[in-house]
Protein backbone atom coordinates (compact mmCIF):
# COMPACT_ATOMS: atom_id res chain seq x y z
CA MET A 1 17.26 -3.70 -14.63
CA ILE A 2 14.10 -4.26 -12.62
CA ASN A 3 11.46 -6.70 -13.81
CA ILE A 4 8.17 -4.82 -13.36
CA ASP A 5 6.03 -7.99 -13.42
CA GLU A 6 8.12 -9.49 -10.62
CA LEU A 7 7.86 -6.25 -8.64
CA LYS A 8 4.05 -6.28 -9.06
CA LYS A 9 3.86 -9.90 -7.86
CA LYS A 10 6.02 -9.05 -4.84
CA ILE A 11 3.82 -6.03 -4.02
CA ILE A 12 0.60 -8.05 -4.32
CA TYR A 13 1.99 -10.77 -2.06
CA ARG A 14 3.30 -8.33 0.56
CA SER A 15 0.00 -6.42 0.48
CA ASN A 16 -2.03 -9.53 1.25
CA TYR A 17 0.22 -11.03 3.93
CA ARG A 18 0.92 -8.24 6.40
CA GLY A 19 0.28 -9.78 9.77
CA THR A 20 -3.02 -8.21 10.74
CA LYS A 21 -6.15 -9.36 8.99
CA GLU A 22 -7.51 -5.81 8.64
CA MET A 23 -4.38 -4.53 6.90
CA ASP A 24 -4.14 -7.69 4.76
CA LYS A 25 -7.62 -6.96 3.42
CA LEU A 26 -7.20 -3.19 3.08
CA LEU A 27 -3.77 -3.22 1.42
CA GLY A 28 -4.59 -6.30 -0.64
CA ALA A 29 -7.69 -4.63 -2.07
CA PHE A 30 -5.80 -1.37 -2.63
CA ALA A 31 -2.95 -3.09 -4.47
CA GLU A 32 -5.30 -5.20 -6.60
CA THR A 33 -7.27 -2.08 -7.56
CA TYR A 34 -4.33 0.08 -8.59
CA ILE A 35 -1.38 -2.21 -9.42
CA ASP A 36 -1.87 -2.16 -13.21
CA SER A 37 -2.42 1.60 -13.43
CA LEU A 38 0.65 2.66 -11.43
CA SER A 39 3.78 4.04 -13.06
CA GLU A 40 7.18 2.53 -12.32
CA LYS A 41 7.88 5.34 -9.82
CA ASP A 42 4.51 4.70 -8.16
CA LEU A 43 5.30 1.00 -7.84
CA PHE A 44 8.54 1.83 -6.02
CA ASP A 45 6.63 4.28 -3.80
CA LEU A 46 4.08 1.57 -3.02
CA GLU A 47 6.89 -0.84 -2.19
CA LYS A 48 8.28 1.79 0.24
CA LEU A 49 4.83 2.26 1.77
CA LEU A 50 4.63 -1.49 2.40
CA ASN A 51 7.76 -1.20 4.57
CA VAL A 52 5.76 0.84 7.09
CA ASP A 53 4.38 -1.23 9.96
CA ASP A 54 0.66 -2.01 10.17
CA THR A 55 -0.07 0.28 13.12
CA ASN A 56 1.39 3.34 11.44
CA LEU A 57 -0.25 2.50 8.11
CA TYR A 58 -3.60 2.06 9.83
CA ASN A 59 -3.16 5.38 11.63
CA PHE A 60 -2.09 7.13 8.42
CA TYR A 61 -5.10 5.75 6.52
CA ASN A 62 -7.45 6.92 9.30
CA ASP A 63 -5.87 10.38 9.76
CA LEU A 64 -4.42 9.50 13.15
CA LYS A 65 -0.96 10.33 14.48
CA THR A 66 1.88 8.18 13.14
CA ASP A 67 5.26 7.46 14.72
CA VAL A 68 6.98 7.65 11.33
CA GLU A 69 6.89 10.19 8.56
CA ILE A 70 5.07 8.87 5.52
CA GLU A 71 6.01 10.53 2.25
CA ASN A 72 3.33 12.47 0.42
CA ASN A 73 3.15 11.16 -3.16
CA ASN A 74 0.67 9.81 -5.70
CA VAL A 75 0.47 6.39 -4.01
CA THR A 76 -0.11 7.75 -0.52
CA SER A 77 -2.78 10.10 -1.90
CA LEU A 78 -4.51 7.17 -3.62
CA PHE A 79 -4.23 5.10 -0.43
CA LYS A 80 -5.70 7.85 1.77
CA GLY A 81 -8.63 8.25 -0.63
CA PHE A 82 -9.19 4.52 -1.12
CA GLU A 83 -12.61 3.35 -0.01
CA TYR A 84 -12.35 -0.20 1.20
CA LYS A 85 -15.57 -2.16 0.89
CA ASN A 86 -15.56 -5.17 3.18
CA GLU A 87 -17.27 -7.97 1.31
């Protein structure tokens, strides 16, 4: 059985430590905003999304061409609509 709290911690960590500063900030803010409102399925979808490399995630977020297919689901819809405010 999966421990949801552990999964959330793992997602938060992986969201904040991506490799590129821009994606660290964007995904970190996205995960912090939505992590507690996501269903178990959404958490697994977010974990899958985090397996996509930064370049393709950046392109997906900005409606540019990606080299990989990114599944259309609740999490990707939230991500596409997420307005990151650089503070």
